[in-house]
Amino acid sequence: MKDYLDRLIELALDEDLGAAGDVTSTALVPPEARGSGELVAKEQLVLAGLQAFTRVFHYVDPEVKVEPLRRDGEELKPKAVAARVSGRLRSLLAAERTALNIVQRMSGIATLSQQAMTAVRGSKLKVLDTRKTPPGMRSLSKEAVRLGGASNHRFGLFDGILIKDNHIAAVGGSITEALRRARQNAPRLVKIEIEVTSLKQLAEAIEGGADVVMLDNMDDAQIRKAVELAAGRVPLEVSGGVTLERLSRLSKLGVDFVSMGSLTHSARAMDLSLEIATTRGSGRARASKKPQD
């Protein structure tokens, strides 16, 4: 059975190559042509996704050689070379876009996560991700969050209880009843977290024995009052409306966690390129032709 990453890569390549394959390279590049390329950072970033980058090339052609020169989690400056690839030129061209799509997106998540951690440096505040990830990319997205220094919340619906507003509505709007059912019906899951939108709900959640309380879309003044009300009896997590600019203020309010969906759903793909050259005899030439060619 294929593992997660192979299944993701297969789907991504199916989207790009289809049934006909890379018709441009097939028309222009002889089967025996060989080439090499360098993965180059075009801006400062935190590198993430080298393993997946390598697997894409090996999935297309097991004989392609990939030489990592830097490590995932490492900060790169512009013009830094992260890896080299070499092999059949058709294979390099067929794998290029899919490999870049993954490493660019993962590096964007890692870079944004590092920026978030920089904003809360020196405080106890722990920055968490969410389930707001591109479909099929959750494992890679959460890996990138860790590489940037932030932490993972639950992976999916199966590995933790987080009672949200729609769950509360489903049991008649009662925080107490929601917590009671969670304790009764899912005893194996040790921690139970519940989302609240008011100080009244917070008091009910504490009384009901919640292990963690999420303060949803509260402003700074409400959060400050929530910290006073909780008085250390339960860990508090802030969610909703969290930006890089706001993190520094939140780190001073006394909450324990902050969850940021933007780490994975809004991270910008970082600018990395694969600069490929063909091998002609003993020399090398850029794959992109000069006008006189």
C-alpha atoms as a PDB file:
ATOM      1  CA  MET A   1       0.000   0.000   0.000  1.00  0.00           C
ATOM      2  CA  LYS A   2       1.353   3.423  -0.946  1.00  0.00           C
ATOM      3  CA  ASP A   3       2.096   5.764   1.944  1.00  0.00           C
ATOM      4  CA  TYR A   4       0.549   9.193   2.331  1.00  0.00           C
ATOM      5  CA  LEU A   5       3.269  11.112   0.514  1.00  0.00           C
ATOM      6  CA  ASP A   6       3.383   8.775  -2.472  1.00  0.00           C
ATOM      7  CA  ARG A   7      -0.406   9.006  -2.850  1.00  0.00           C
ATOM      8  CA  LEU A   8      -0.241  12.803  -2.717  1.00  0.00           C
ATOM      9  CA  ILE A   9       2.577  12.930  -5.257  1.00  0.00           C
ATOM     10  CA  GLU A  10       0.760  10.503  -7.571  1.00  0.00           C
ATOM     11  CA  LEU A  11      -2.370  12.676  -7.506  1.00  0.00           C
ATOM     12  CA  ALA A  12      -0.379  15.869  -8.118  1.00  0.00           C
ATOM     13  CA  LEU A  13       1.505  14.340 -11.037  1.00  0.00           C
ATOM     14  CA  ASP A  14      -1.718  12.957 -12.498  1.00  0.00           C
ATOM     15  CA  GLU A  15      -3.095  16.507 -12.499  1.00  0.00           C
ATOM     16  CA  ASP A  16      -0.006  17.833 -14.278  1.00  0.00           C
ATOM     17  CA  LEU A  17       0.945  15.036 -16.668  1.00  0.00           C
ATOM     18  CA  GLY A  18      -2.427  13.484 -17.434  1.00  0.00           C
ATOM     19  CA  ALA A  19      -2.534  10.503 -19.761  1.00  0.00           C
ATOM     20  CA  ALA A  20      -0.313  12.062 -22.445  1.00  0.00           C
ATOM     21  CA  GLY A  21       2.591  13.110 -20.233  1.00  0.00           C
ATOM     22  CA  ASP A  22       4.776  16.178 -20.824  1.00  0.00           C
ATOM     23  CA  VAL A  23       4.024  16.670 -24.511  1.00  0.00           C
ATOM     24  CA  THR A  24       6.281  19.733 -24.810  1.00  0.00           C
ATOM     25  CA  SER A  25       9.374  17.956 -23.500  1.00  0.00           C
ATOM     26  CA  THR A  26       8.575  14.852 -25.539  1.00  0.00           C
ATOM     27  CA  ALA A  27       8.443  16.980 -28.694  1.00  0.00           C
ATOM     28  CA  LEU A  28      11.597  18.995 -27.984  1.00  0.00           C
ATOM     29  CA  VAL A  29      13.931  16.923 -25.839  1.00  0.00           C
ATOM     30  CA  PRO A  30      15.639  13.725 -27.074  1.00  0.00           C
ATOM     31  CA  PRO A  31      15.179  10.725 -24.747  1.00  0.00           C
ATOM     32  CA  GLU A  32      18.919  10.450 -24.148  1.00  0.00           C
ATOM     33  CA  ALA A  33      19.386  14.123 -23.185  1.00  0.00           C
ATOM     34  CA  ARG A  34      20.591  14.676 -19.653  1.00  0.00           C
ATOM     35  CA  GLY A  35      20.630  17.711 -17.426  1.00  0.00           C
ATOM     36  CA  SER A  36      21.063  19.065 -13.951  1.00  0.00           C
ATOM     37  CA  GLY A  37      19.464  21.747 -11.863  1.00  0.00           C
ATOM     38  CA  GLU A  38      19.756  23.762  -8.678  1.00  0.00           C
ATOM     39  CA  LEU A  39      16.961  24.604  -6.250  1.00  0.00           C
ATOM     40  CA  VAL A  40      17.615  28.257  -5.510  1.00  0.00           C
ATOM     41  CA  ALA A  41      16.007  30.537  -2.925  1.00  0.00           C
ATOM     42  CA  LYS A  42      15.029  33.884  -4.435  1.00  0.00           C
ATOM     43  CA  GLU A  43      14.188  35.481  -1.078  1.00  0.00           C
ATOM     44  CA  GLN A  44      14.875  34.940   2.606  1.00  0.00           C
ATOM     45  CA  LEU A  45      12.862  31.984   3.866  1.00  0.00           C
ATOM     46  CA  VAL A  46      12.701  28.959   6.136  1.00  0.00           C
ATOM     47  CA  LEU A  47      13.221  25.870   4.019  1.00  0.00           C
ATOM     48  CA  ALA A  48      10.659  23.063   4.277  1.00  0.00           C
ATOM     49  CA  GLY A  49       9.706  20.149   2.038  1.00  0.00           C
ATOM     50  CA  LEU A  50      13.043  18.781   0.816  1.00  0.00           C
ATOM     51  CA  GLN A  51      12.002  15.188   1.466  1.00  0.00           C
ATOM     52  CA  ALA A  52       8.846  15.619  -0.602  1.00  0.00           C
ATOM     53  CA  PHE A  53      10.815  17.511  -3.269  1.00  0.00           C
ATOM     54  CA  THR A  54      13.172  14.533  -3.532  1.00  0.00           C
ATOM     55  CA  ARG A  55      10.342  11.983  -3.621  1.00  0.00           C
ATOM     56  CA  VAL A  56       8.664  13.733  -6.566  1.00  0.00           C
ATOM     57  CA  PHE A  57      11.767  13.317  -8.734  1.00  0.00           C
ATOM     58  CA  HIS A  58      12.251   9.704  -7.651  1.00  0.00           C
ATOM     59  CA  TYR A  59       8.577   8.971  -8.340  1.00  0.00           C
ATOM     60  CA  VAL A  60       8.956  10.276 -11.901  1.00  0.00           C
ATOM     61  CA  ASP A  61      12.311   8.565 -12.431  1.00  0.00           C
ATOM     62  CA  PRO A  62      14.111   6.490  -9.759  1.00  0.00           C
ATOM     63  CA  GLU A  63      17.430   7.183 -11.506  1.00  0.00           C
ATOM     64  CA  VAL A  64      17.297  10.935 -10.933  1.00  0.00           C
ATOM     65  CA  LYS A  65      19.904  11.961  -8.382  1.00  0.00           C
ATOM     66  CA  VAL A  66      18.872  14.529  -5.758  1.00  0.00           C
ATOM     67  CA  GLU A  67      21.589  16.030  -3.559  1.00  0.00           C
ATOM     68  CA  PRO A  68      20.270  18.099  -0.619  1.00  0.00           C
ATOM     69  CA  LEU A  69      22.675  20.894   0.298  1.00  0.00           C
ATOM     70  CA  ARG A  70      20.648  22.433   3.140  1.00  0.00           C
ATOM     71  CA  ARG A  71      18.323  21.041   5.815  1.00  0.00           C
ATOM     72  CA  ASP A  72      14.608  21.492   6.375  1.00  0.00           C
ATOM     73  CA  GLY A  73      14.059  24.144   9.037  1.00  0.00           C
ATOM     74  CA  GLU A  74      17.156  26.062   7.982  1.00  0.00           C
ATOM     75  CA  GLU A  75      16.883  29.751   7.173  1.00  0.00           C
ATOM     76  CA  LEU A  76      18.061  30.565   3.655  1.00  0.00           C
ATOM     77  CA  LYS A  77      19.152  33.885   2.246  1.00  0.00           C
ATOM     78  CA  PRO A  78      18.491  34.926  -1.358  1.00  0.00           C
ATOM     79  CA  LYS A  79      20.592  33.011  -3.927  1.00  0.00           C
ATOM     80  CA  ALA A  80      21.245  30.131  -1.513  1.00  0.00           C
ATOM     81  CA  VAL A  81      21.251  26.735  -3.247  1.00  0.00           C
ATOM     82  CA  ALA A  82      19.166  24.217  -1.310  1.00  0.00           C
ATOM     83  CA  ALA A  83      19.604  21.118  -3.499  1.00  0.00           C
ATOM     84  CA  ARG A  84      20.923  19.838  -6.793  1.00  0.00           C
ATOM     85  CA  VAL A  85      19.238  17.379  -9.173  1.00  0.00           C
ATOM     86  CA  SER A  86      20.622  15.517 -12.159  1.00  0.00           C
ATOM     87  CA  GLY A  87      19.421  12.882 -14.575  1.00  0.00           C
ATOM     88  CA  ARG A  88      17.326  12.508 -17.717  1.00  0.00           C
ATOM     89  CA  LEU A  89      16.282  15.967 -18.850  1.00  0.00           C
ATOM     90  CA  ARG A  90      12.743  14.855 -19.668  1.00  0.00           C
ATOM     91  CA  SER A  91      12.375  13.520 -16.113  1.00  0.00           C
ATOM     92  CA  LEU A  92      13.640  16.747 -14.552  1.00  0.00           C
ATOM     93  CA  LEU A  93      11.206  18.809 -16.596  1.00  0.00           C
ATOM     94  CA  ALA A  94       8.272  16.517 -15.847  1.00  0.00           C
ATOM     95  CA  ALA A  95       8.844  16.628 -12.079  1.00  0.00           C
ATOM     96  CA  GLU A  96       9.852  20.287 -11.780  1.00  0.00           C
ATOM     97  CA  ARG A  97       6.491  21.994 -11.239  1.00  0.00           C
ATOM     98  CA  THR A  98       5.046  19.473  -8.801  1.00  0.00           C
ATOM     99  CA  ALA A  99       8.251  19.410  -6.745  1.00  0.00           C
ATOM    100  CA  LEU A 100       8.375  23.207  -6.642  1.00  0.00           C
ATOM    101  CA  ASN A 101       4.702  23.548  -5.740  1.00  0.00           C
ATOM    102  CA  ILE A 102       5.267  21.458  -2.618  1.00  0.00           C
ATOM    103  CA  VAL A 103       8.528  22.997  -1.447  1.00  0.00           C
ATOM    104  CA  GLN A 104       7.325  26.554  -2.123  1.00  0.00           C
ATOM    105  CA  ARG A 105       4.100  26.085  -0.153  1.00  0.00           C
ATOM    106  CA  MET A 106       5.761  24.258   2.741  1.00  0.00           C
ATOM    107  CA  SER A 107       8.503  26.875   2.949  1.00  0.00           C
ATOM    108  CA  GLY A 108       5.840  29.585   3.059  1.00  0.00           C
ATOM    109  CA  ILE A 109       4.153  27.903   6.023  1.00  0.00           C
ATOM    110  CA  ALA A 110       7.469  27.393   7.823  1.00  0.00           C
ATOM    111  CA  THR A 111       8.491  31.001   7.209  1.00  0.00           C
ATOM    112  CA  LEU A 112       5.191  32.408   8.501  1.00  0.00           C
ATOM    113  CA  SER A 113       5.378  30.099  11.535  1.00  0.00           C
ATOM    114  CA  GLN A 114       8.847  31.386  12.328  1.00  0.00           C
ATOM    115  CA  GLN A 115       7.590  34.970  12.105  1.00  0.00           C
ATOM    116  CA  ALA A 116       4.791  34.114  14.537  1.00  0.00           C
ATOM    117  CA  MET A 117       7.234  32.610  17.011  1.00  0.00           C
ATOM    118  CA  THR A 118       9.457  35.664  16.739  1.00  0.00           C
ATOM    119  CA  ALA A 119       6.476  37.845  17.669  1.00  0.00           C
ATOM    120  CA  VAL A 120       5.883  35.944  20.949  1.00  0.00           C
ATOM    121  CA  ARG A 121       9.520  35.361  21.875  1.00  0.00           C
ATOM    122  CA  GLY A 122      10.187  35.619  25.593  1.00  0.00           C
ATOM    123  CA  SER A 123       6.589  34.845  26.596  1.00  0.00           C
ATOM    124  CA  LYS A 124       4.813  31.646  27.627  1.00  0.00           C
ATOM    125  CA  LEU A 125       2.370  31.897  24.722  1.00  0.00           C
ATOM    126  CA  LYS A 126       2.355  28.806  22.490  1.00  0.00           C
ATOM    127  CA  VAL A 127       1.411  29.296  18.826  1.00  0.00           C
ATOM    128  CA  LEU A 128      -0.726  26.488  17.347  1.00  0.00           C
ATOM    129  CA  ASP A 129      -1.946  25.665  13.865  1.00  0.00           C
ATOM    130  CA  THR A 130      -5.485  24.522  12.944  1.00  0.00           C
ATOM    131  CA  ARG A 131      -7.206  22.087  10.558  1.00  0.00           C
ATOM    132  CA  LYS A 132      -7.470  24.830   7.934  1.00  0.00           C
ATOM    133  CA  THR A 133      -5.065  23.185   5.508  1.00  0.00           C
ATOM    134  CA  PRO A 134      -5.235  22.614   1.737  1.00  0.00           C
ATOM    135  CA  PRO A 135      -7.037  19.327   1.049  1.00  0.00           C
ATOM    136  CA  GLY A 136      -4.563  16.439   1.026  1.00  0.00           C
ATOM    137  CA  MET A 137      -1.730  18.629   2.340  1.00  0.00           C
ATOM    138  CA  ARG A 138      -2.388  18.403   6.080  1.00  0.00           C
ATOM    139  CA  SER A 139       0.553  16.231   7.065  1.00  0.00           C
ATOM    140  CA  LEU A 140       3.009  18.309   5.048  1.00  0.00           C
ATOM    141  CA  SER A 141       1.442  21.569   6.272  1.00  0.00           C
ATOM    142  CA  LYS A 142       1.720  20.567   9.900  1.00  0.00           C
ATOM    143  CA  GLU A 143       5.288  19.380   9.395  1.00  0.00           C
ATOM    144  CA  ALA A 144       6.113  22.809   7.967  1.00  0.00           C
ATOM    145  CA  VAL A 145       4.543  24.497  11.011  1.00  0.00           C
ATOM    146  CA  ARG A 146       6.868  22.521  13.277  1.00  0.00           C
ATOM    147  CA  LEU A 147       9.874  23.325  11.112  1.00  0.00           C
ATOM    148  CA  GLY A 148       9.075  27.004  11.592  1.00  0.00           C
ATOM    149  CA  GLY A 149       9.070  26.538  15.378  1.00  0.00           C
ATOM    150  CA  ALA A 150       5.315  26.663  16.060  1.00  0.00           C
ATOM    151  CA  SER A 151       3.227  23.728  17.337  1.00  0.00           C
ATOM    152  CA  ASN A 152       0.467  21.499  16.047  1.00  0.00           C
ATOM    153  CA  HIS A 153      -3.079  21.474  17.390  1.00  0.00           C
ATOM    154  CA  ARG A 154      -5.002  18.234  16.795  1.00  0.00           C
ATOM    155  CA  PHE A 155      -4.340  16.607  13.441  1.00  0.00           C
ATOM    156  CA  GLY A 156      -7.975  15.858  12.611  1.00  0.00           C
ATOM    157  CA  LEU A 157     -11.393  15.092  14.004  1.00  0.00           C
ATOM    158  CA  PHE A 158     -10.192  11.702  15.222  1.00  0.00           C
ATOM    159  CA  ASP A 159      -7.471  12.617  17.717  1.00  0.00           C
ATOM    160  CA  GLY A 160      -8.993  15.131  20.102  1.00  0.00           C
ATOM    161  CA  ILE A 161     -12.240  16.593  21.364  1.00  0.00           C
ATOM    162  CA  LEU A 162     -12.876  20.219  20.494  1.00  0.00           C
ATOM    163  CA  ILE A 163     -16.470  21.238  21.182  1.00  0.00           C
ATOM    164  CA  LYS A 164     -17.408  24.184  18.969  1.00  0.00           C
ATOM    165  CA  ASP A 165     -20.484  26.371  18.602  1.00  0.00           C
ATOM    166  CA  ASN A 166     -22.309  23.973  16.270  1.00  0.00           C
ATOM    167  CA  HIS A 167     -21.712  21.080  18.651  1.00  0.00           C
ATOM    168  CA  ILE A 168     -23.114  23.151  21.526  1.00  0.00           C
ATOM    169  CA  ALA A 169     -26.137  24.040  19.409  1.00  0.00           C
ATOM    170  CA  ALA A 170     -26.647  20.345  18.648  1.00  0.00           C
ATOM    171  CA  VAL A 171     -27.141  19.599  22.361  1.00  0.00           C
ATOM    172  CA  GLY A 172     -29.573  22.442  22.943  1.00  0.00           C
ATOM    173  CA  GLY A 173     -27.094  25.248  23.530  1.00  0.00           C
ATOM    174  CA  SER A 174     -25.803  24.017  26.879  1.00  0.00           C
ATOM    175  CA  ILE A 175     -22.074  24.165  27.639  1.00  0.00           C
ATOM    176  CA  THR A 176     -22.639  21.930  30.653  1.00  0.00           C
ATOM    177  CA  GLU A 177     -24.498  19.278  28.667  1.00  0.00           C
ATOM    178  CA  ALA A 178     -21.890  19.276  25.914  1.00  0.00           C
ATOM    179  CA  LEU A 179     -19.119  18.672  28.441  1.00  0.00           C
ATOM    180  CA  ARG A 180     -21.147  15.994  30.217  1.00  0.00           C
ATOM    181  CA  ARG A 181     -21.711  14.027  27.012  1.00  0.00           C
ATOM    182  CA  ALA A 182     -18.072  14.351  26.028  1.00  0.00           C
ATOM    183  CA  ARG A 183     -16.948  12.935  29.370  1.00  0.00           C
ATOM    184  CA  GLN A 184     -19.506  10.140  29.228  1.00  0.00           C
ATOM    185  CA  ASN A 185     -19.075   9.015  25.659  1.00  0.00           C
ATOM    186  CA  ALA A 186     -15.387   9.573  24.902  1.00  0.00           C
ATOM    187  CA  PRO A 187     -13.502   8.689  28.086  1.00  0.00           C
ATOM    188  CA  ARG A 188     -10.391   7.553  26.241  1.00  0.00           C
ATOM    189  CA  LEU A 189      -9.632  11.051  24.980  1.00  0.00           C
ATOM    190  CA  VAL A 190      -8.114  12.649  28.014  1.00  0.00           C
ATOM    191  CA  LYS A 191      -8.376  16.355  27.239  1.00  0.00           C
ATOM    192  CA  ILE A 192     -11.637  18.029  26.315  1.00  0.00           C
ATOM    193  CA  GLU A 193     -11.529  21.533  24.871  1.00  0.00           C
ATOM    194  CA  ILE A 194     -14.571  23.734  24.390  1.00  0.00           C
ATOM    195  CA  GLU A 195     -15.122  26.982  22.536  1.00  0.00           C
ATOM    196  CA  VAL A 196     -16.817  29.928  24.269  1.00  0.00           C
ATOM    197  CA  THR A 197     -17.803  33.379  23.070  1.00  0.00           C
ATOM    198  CA  SER A 198     -18.610  35.119  26.356  1.00  0.00           C
ATOM    199  CA  LEU A 199     -17.455  35.348  29.960  1.00  0.00           C
ATOM    200  CA  LYS A 200     -20.710  33.690  31.046  1.00  0.00           C
ATOM    201  CA  GLN A 201     -19.929  30.681  28.868  1.00  0.00           C
ATOM    202  CA  LEU A 202     -16.373  30.659  30.186  1.00  0.00           C
ATOM    203  CA  ALA A 203     -17.610  30.418  33.775  1.00  0.00           C
ATOM    204  CA  GLU A 204     -19.921  27.554  32.788  1.00  0.00           C
ATOM    205  CA  ALA A 205     -17.086  25.756  30.994  1.00  0.00           C
ATOM    206  CA  ILE A 206     -14.821  26.008  34.022  1.00  0.00           C
ATOM    207  CA  GLU A 207     -17.602  24.776  36.287  1.00  0.00           C
ATOM    208  CA  GLY A 208     -18.284  21.911  33.857  1.00  0.00           C
ATOM    209  CA  GLY A 209     -14.699  20.670  34.048  1.00  0.00           C
ATOM    210  CA  ALA A 210     -13.307  21.625  30.648  1.00  0.00           C
ATOM    211  CA  ASP A 211      -9.606  20.842  30.283  1.00  0.00           C
ATOM    212  CA  VAL A 212      -8.958  23.735  27.893  1.00  0.00           C
ATOM    213  CA  VAL A 213     -11.194  26.660  26.933  1.00  0.00           C
ATOM    214  CA  MET A 214     -10.977  28.387  23.564  1.00  0.00           C
ATOM    215  CA  LEU A 215     -11.864  32.089  23.600  1.00  0.00           C
ATOM    216  CA  ASP A 216     -13.421  32.631  20.198  1.00  0.00           C
ATOM    217  CA  ASN A 217     -13.180  36.036  18.504  1.00  0.00           C
ATOM    218  CA  MET A 218     -12.755  37.994  21.725  1.00  0.00           C
ATOM    219  CA  ASP A 219     -11.057  41.380  21.710  1.00  0.00           C
ATOM    220  CA  ASP A 220      -8.109  42.185  23.946  1.00  0.00           C
ATOM    221  CA  ALA A 221     -10.245  43.696  26.699  1.00  0.00           C
ATOM    222  CA  GLN A 222     -12.496  40.615  26.843  1.00  0.00           C
ATOM    223  CA  ILE A 223      -9.457  38.339  26.893  1.00  0.00           C
ATOM    224  CA  ARG A 224      -7.966  40.248  29.792  1.00  0.00           C
ATOM    225  CA  LYS A 225     -11.195  39.773  31.766  1.00  0.00           C
ATOM    226  CA  ALA A 226     -11.295  36.089  30.814  1.00  0.00           C
ATOM    227  CA  VAL A 227      -7.780  35.590  32.207  1.00  0.00           C
ATOM    228  CA  GLU A 228      -8.856  37.230  35.466  1.00  0.00           C
ATOM    229  CA  LEU A 229     -11.979  35.055  35.656  1.00  0.00           C
ATOM    230  CA  ALA A 230     -10.115  31.822  34.906  1.00  0.00           C
ATOM    231  CA  ALA A 231      -7.443  32.703  37.474  1.00  0.00           C
ATOM    232  CA  GLY A 232      -5.243  29.852  36.317  1.00  0.00           C
ATOM    233  CA  ARG A 233      -7.904  27.162  36.837  1.00  0.00           C
ATOM    234  CA  VAL A 234      -7.946  26.181  33.171  1.00  0.00           C
ATOM    235  CA  PRO A 235      -5.623  26.840  30.194  1.00  0.00           C
ATOM    236  CA  LEU A 236      -6.978  29.414  27.768  1.00  0.00           C
ATOM    237  CA  GLU A 237      -6.591  29.449  24.000  1.00  0.00           C
ATOM    238  CA  VAL A 238      -7.300  32.476  21.810  1.00  0.00           C
ATOM    239  CA  SER A 239      -8.743  31.875  18.355  1.00  0.00           C
ATOM    240  CA  GLY A 240     -10.139  34.130  15.644  1.00  0.00           C
ATOM    241  CA  GLY A 241      -8.783  37.410  14.368  1.00  0.00           C
ATOM    242  CA  VAL A 242      -5.204  36.507  15.251  1.00  0.00           C
ATOM    243  CA  THR A 243      -2.621  38.271  13.089  1.00  0.00           C
ATOM    244  CA  LEU A 244       1.143  38.636  13.290  1.00  0.00           C
ATOM    245  CA  GLU A 245       0.651  42.234  14.373  1.00  0.00           C
ATOM    246  CA  ARG A 246      -1.627  41.209  17.244  1.00  0.00           C
ATOM    247  CA  LEU A 247       0.553  38.387  18.575  1.00  0.00           C
ATOM    248  CA  SER A 248       2.840  40.652  20.572  1.00  0.00           C
ATOM    249  CA  ARG A 249      -0.135  42.105  22.472  1.00  0.00           C
ATOM    250  CA  LEU A 250      -1.662  38.683  23.072  1.00  0.00           C
ATOM    251  CA  SER A 251       1.605  37.421  24.512  1.00  0.00           C
ATOM    252  CA  LYS A 252       1.249  39.956  27.323  1.00  0.00           C
ATOM    253  CA  LEU A 253      -2.339  39.094  28.291  1.00  0.00           C
ATOM    254  CA  GLY A 254      -1.637  35.847  30.140  1.00  0.00           C
ATOM    255  CA  VAL A 255      -3.301  33.313  27.832  1.00  0.00           C
ATOM    256  CA  ASP A 256      -1.612  29.970  27.224  1.00  0.00           C
ATOM    257  CA  PHE A 257      -2.253  29.239  23.542  1.00  0.00           C
ATOM    258  CA  VAL A 258      -3.160  31.039  20.360  1.00  0.00           C
ATOM    259  CA  SER A 259      -4.353  29.197  17.255  1.00  0.00           C
ATOM    260  CA  MET A 260      -3.751  30.690  13.814  1.00  0.00           C
ATOM    261  CA  GLY A 261      -5.500  29.280  10.776  1.00  0.00           C
ATOM    262  CA  SER A 262      -3.502  31.702   8.654  1.00  0.00           C
ATOM    263  CA  LEU A 263      -0.318  29.697   9.252  1.00  0.00           C
ATOM    264  CA  THR A 264      -1.563  27.083   6.804  1.00  0.00           C
ATOM    265  CA  HIS A 265      -4.437  28.581   4.823  1.00  0.00           C
ATOM    266  CA  SER A 266      -2.918  31.983   4.034  1.00  0.00           C
ATOM    267  CA  ALA A 267       0.842  31.451   3.958  1.00  0.00           C
ATOM    268  CA  ARG A 268       2.382  32.819   0.780  1.00  0.00           C
ATOM    269  CA  ALA A 269       4.279  30.365  -1.419  1.00  0.00           C
ATOM    270  CA  MET A 270       7.925  31.350  -1.165  1.00  0.00           C
ATOM    271  CA  ASP A 271       9.985  32.180  -4.221  1.00  0.00           C
ATOM    272  CA  LEU A 272      12.226  29.240  -5.049  1.00  0.00           C
ATOM    273  CA  SER A 273      13.187  28.208  -8.556  1.00  0.00           C
ATOM    274  CA  LEU A 274      14.736  25.167 -10.168  1.00  0.00           C
ATOM    275  CA  GLU A 275      17.396  26.406 -12.569  1.00  0.00           C
ATOM    276  CA  ILE A 276      17.936  23.575 -15.038  1.00  0.00           C
ATOM    277  CA  ALA A 277      20.848  23.235 -17.453  1.00  0.00           C
ATOM    278  CA  THR A 278      21.427  20.703 -20.213  1.00  0.00           C
ATOM    279  CA  THR A 279      24.622  18.732 -20.640  1.00  0.00           C
ATOM    280  CA  ARG A 280      26.211  19.133 -24.071  1.00  0.00           C
ATOM    281  CA  GLY A 281      29.438  17.251 -24.403  1.00  0.00           C
ATOM    282  CA  SER A 282      31.728  18.452 -21.631  1.00  0.00           C
ATOM    283  CA  GLY A 283      30.016  21.834 -21.294  1.00  0.00           C
ATOM    284  CA  ARG A 284      26.764  23.055 -19.830  1.00  0.00           C
ATOM    285  CA  ALA A 285      24.122  25.353 -21.285  1.00  0.00           C
ATOM    286  CA  ARG A 286      20.948  26.824 -19.885  1.00  0.00           C
ATOM    287  CA  ALA A 287      17.798  24.973 -20.872  1.00  0.00           C
ATOM    288  CA  SER A 288      16.216  28.294 -21.812  1.00  0.00           C
ATOM    289  CA  LYS A 289      17.613  29.217 -25.225  1.00  0.00           C
ATOM    290  CA  LYS A 290      19.252  32.522 -26.081  1.00  0.00           C
ATOM    291  CA  PRO A 291      17.680  34.497 -28.955  1.00  0.00           C
ATOM    292  CA  GLN A 292      20.520  33.481 -31.334  1.00  0.00           C
ATOM    293  CA  ASP A 293      19.868  29.785 -30.602  1.00  0.00           C
END
